[in-house]
Amino acid sequence: MMTDRRIIDETSVPRLPTGVRLKFDDPRDQWVILAPERMYVLDQVALAIVRECDGVANVGGIIDALAEDFAAPRAQIGGDVVHMLQDFADKGVIDA
C-alpha cells in the first residue's frame, strides 16, 4: 500500500508523533529517538533540531533559531534542517 509522501518545507510544523519520543539513553550516554521497534541515536545537531519540533514552531522558525544559536549562515542551516526532517518524516519519526 502506497501512502502520500509528506514534503517538508519552511511552512511545515514538525512534531514527534504518538508513540515516538526523545529520551536520554543512560547505557549509551546519548540522546535517542525511540520509535516502535526502532531507535535513532542523535548527534548534537540532530538533537538541537529535534528539540525544536514542538508542534508549534514551523521549519522556518526552527532554522532561524538554530542559525542564531550556532552563529551559522541561515542557508547552510536551512538545507541541513530540511534534509534531516525530511529523512525522519519519510521514516515516520516526524509528523508535519
C-alpha atoms as a PDB file:
ATOM      1  CA  MET A   1       0.000   0.000   0.000  1.00  0.00           C
ATOM      2  CA  MET A   2       1.417   3.359  -1.019  1.00  0.00           C
ATOM      3  CA  THR A   3       0.955   6.455   1.118  1.00  0.00           C
ATOM      4  CA  ASP A   4       1.388  10.070   0.139  1.00  0.00           C
ATOM      5  CA  ARG A   5       4.847  11.350   0.951  1.00  0.00           C
ATOM      6  CA  ARG A   6       4.746  14.419   3.142  1.00  0.00           C
ATOM      7  CA  ILE A   7       7.178  17.034   1.828  1.00  0.00           C
ATOM      8  CA  ILE A   8       8.915  19.124   4.474  1.00  0.00           C
ATOM      9  CA  ASP A   9       9.390  22.817   3.721  1.00  0.00           C
ATOM     10  CA  GLU A  10       9.726  26.001   5.774  1.00  0.00           C
ATOM     11  CA  THR A  11       5.974  26.169   6.416  1.00  0.00           C
ATOM     12  CA  SER A  12       5.818  22.631   7.878  1.00  0.00           C
ATOM     13  CA  VAL A  13       5.205  22.361  11.636  1.00  0.00           C
ATOM     14  CA  PRO A  14       7.103  19.258  12.811  1.00  0.00           C
ATOM     15  CA  ARG A  15       6.417  17.227  15.934  1.00  0.00           C
ATOM     16  CA  LEU A  16       7.096  13.754  17.252  1.00  0.00           C
ATOM     17  CA  PRO A  17       4.077  11.541  16.522  1.00  0.00           C
ATOM     18  CA  THR A  18       2.281   9.431  19.117  1.00  0.00           C
ATOM     19  CA  GLY A  19       4.483   6.500  20.136  1.00  0.00           C
ATOM     20  CA  VAL A  20       7.752   8.278  19.295  1.00  0.00           C
ATOM     21  CA  ARG A  21       9.759  10.009  21.999  1.00  0.00           C
ATOM     22  CA  LEU A  22      13.036  11.732  22.685  1.00  0.00           C
ATOM     23  CA  LYS A  23      14.925  10.125  25.574  1.00  0.00           C
ATOM     24  CA  PHE A  24      18.385  10.177  27.130  1.00  0.00           C
ATOM     25  CA  ASP A  25      19.774   6.637  26.941  1.00  0.00           C
ATOM     26  CA  ASP A  26      21.969   6.138  30.022  1.00  0.00           C
ATOM     27  CA  PRO A  27      23.810   2.993  28.845  1.00  0.00           C
ATOM     28  CA  ARG A  28      24.847   4.746  25.627  1.00  0.00           C
ATOM     29  CA  ASP A  29      25.256   8.150  27.314  1.00  0.00           C
ATOM     30  CA  GLN A  30      23.459   9.690  24.310  1.00  0.00           C
ATOM     31  CA  TRP A  31      20.122  11.157  23.295  1.00  0.00           C
ATOM     32  CA  VAL A  32      17.975   8.875  21.161  1.00  0.00           C
ATOM     33  CA  ILE A  33      14.612   8.844  19.467  1.00  0.00           C
ATOM     34  CA  LEU A  34      12.605   5.779  20.396  1.00  0.00           C
ATOM     35  CA  ALA A  35      10.023   4.646  17.859  1.00  0.00           C
ATOM     36  CA  PRO A  36       8.145   1.344  17.672  1.00  0.00           C
ATOM     37  CA  GLU A  37      10.832  -1.313  17.117  1.00  0.00           C
ATOM     38  CA  ARG A  38      13.378   1.356  16.121  1.00  0.00           C
ATOM     39  CA  MET A  39      15.899   3.612  17.801  1.00  0.00           C
ATOM     40  CA  TYR A  40      17.854   6.515  16.323  1.00  0.00           C
ATOM     41  CA  VAL A  41      20.984   7.828  18.067  1.00  0.00           C
ATOM     42  CA  LEU A  42      21.216  11.606  17.720  1.00  0.00           C
ATOM     43  CA  ASP A  43      24.331  13.701  17.349  1.00  0.00           C
ATOM     44  CA  GLN A  44      24.380  17.232  18.801  1.00  0.00           C
ATOM     45  CA  VAL A  45      22.992  18.840  15.626  1.00  0.00           C
ATOM     46  CA  ALA A  46      20.166  16.328  15.240  1.00  0.00           C
ATOM     47  CA  LEU A  47      19.315  16.738  18.931  1.00  0.00           C
ATOM     48  CA  ALA A  48      19.140  20.530  18.557  1.00  0.00           C
ATOM     49  CA  ILE A  49      16.774  20.141  15.591  1.00  0.00           C
ATOM     50  CA  VAL A  50      14.513  17.534  17.226  1.00  0.00           C
ATOM     51  CA  ARG A  51      14.221  19.582  20.430  1.00  0.00           C
ATOM     52  CA  GLU A  52      12.679  22.373  18.341  1.00  0.00           C
ATOM     53  CA  CYS A  53      10.000  20.046  16.882  1.00  0.00           C
ATOM     54  CA  ASP A  54       7.275  21.002  19.345  1.00  0.00           C
ATOM     55  CA  GLY A  55       4.274  21.061  17.005  1.00  0.00           C
ATOM     56  CA  VAL A  56       4.139  24.865  17.321  1.00  0.00           C
ATOM     57  CA  ALA A  57       7.232  26.232  15.552  1.00  0.00           C
ATOM     58  CA  ASN A  58       7.427  25.925  11.786  1.00  0.00           C
ATOM     59  CA  VAL A  59      10.592  24.819  10.000  1.00  0.00           C
ATOM     60  CA  GLY A  60      11.433  28.398   9.017  1.00  0.00           C
ATOM     61  CA  GLY A  61      11.342  29.445  12.673  1.00  0.00           C
ATOM     62  CA  ILE A  62      13.443  26.433  13.664  1.00  0.00           C
ATOM     63  CA  ILE A  63      16.037  27.360  11.026  1.00  0.00           C
ATOM     64  CA  ASP A  64      16.121  30.967  12.285  1.00  0.00           C
ATOM     65  CA  ALA A  65      16.582  29.846  15.894  1.00  0.00           C
ATOM     66  CA  LEU A  66      19.338  27.365  15.065  1.00  0.00           C
ATOM     67  CA  ALA A  67      21.169  29.803  12.772  1.00  0.00           C
ATOM     68  CA  GLU A  68      21.240  32.246  15.672  1.00  0.00           C
ATOM     69  CA  ASP A  69      22.199  29.599  18.279  1.00  0.00           C
ATOM     70  CA  PHE A  70      25.047  28.232  16.155  1.00  0.00           C
ATOM     71  CA  ALA A  71      26.039  31.594  14.592  1.00  0.00           C
ATOM     72  CA  ALA A  72      25.910  29.909  11.182  1.00  0.00           C
ATOM     73  CA  PRO A  73      24.606  31.044   7.793  1.00  0.00           C
ATOM     74  CA  ARG A  74      20.841  30.527   7.557  1.00  0.00           C
ATOM     75  CA  ALA A  75      21.123  28.982   4.055  1.00  0.00           C
ATOM     76  CA  GLN A  76      23.531  26.309   5.299  1.00  0.00           C
ATOM     77  CA  ILE A  77      21.494  25.527   8.421  1.00  0.00           C
ATOM     78  CA  GLY A  78      18.276  25.521   6.382  1.00  0.00           C
ATOM     79  CA  GLY A  79      19.427  22.833   3.989  1.00  0.00           C
ATOM     80  CA  ASP A  80      20.606  20.598   6.817  1.00  0.00           C
ATOM     81  CA  VAL A  81      17.399  21.047   8.844  1.00  0.00           C
ATOM     82  CA  VAL A  82      15.052  20.354   5.928  1.00  0.00           C
ATOM     83  CA  HIS A  83      17.113  17.334   4.809  1.00  0.00           C
ATOM     84  CA  MET A  84      17.148  15.757   8.279  1.00  0.00           C
ATOM     85  CA  LEU A  85      13.462  16.422   8.936  1.00  0.00           C
ATOM     86  CA  GLN A  86      12.524  15.039   5.513  1.00  0.00           C
ATOM     87  CA  ASP A  87      14.520  11.879   6.239  1.00  0.00           C
ATOM     88  CA  PHE A  88      12.793  11.459   9.615  1.00  0.00           C
ATOM     89  CA  ALA A  89       9.374  12.213   8.086  1.00  0.00           C
ATOM     90  CA  ASP A  90       9.990   9.537   5.442  1.00  0.00           C
ATOM     91  CA  LYS A  91      10.784   7.090   8.249  1.00  0.00           C
ATOM     92  CA  GLY A  92       7.666   8.059  10.233  1.00  0.00           C
ATOM     93  CA  VAL A  93       9.657   9.571  13.084  1.00  0.00           C
ATOM     94  CA  ILE A  94       8.439  13.154  12.486  1.00  0.00           C
ATOM     95  CA  ASP A  95       4.939  14.355  11.623  1.00  0.00           C
ATOM     96  CA  ALA A  96       4.469  17.717   9.966  1.00  0.00           C
END
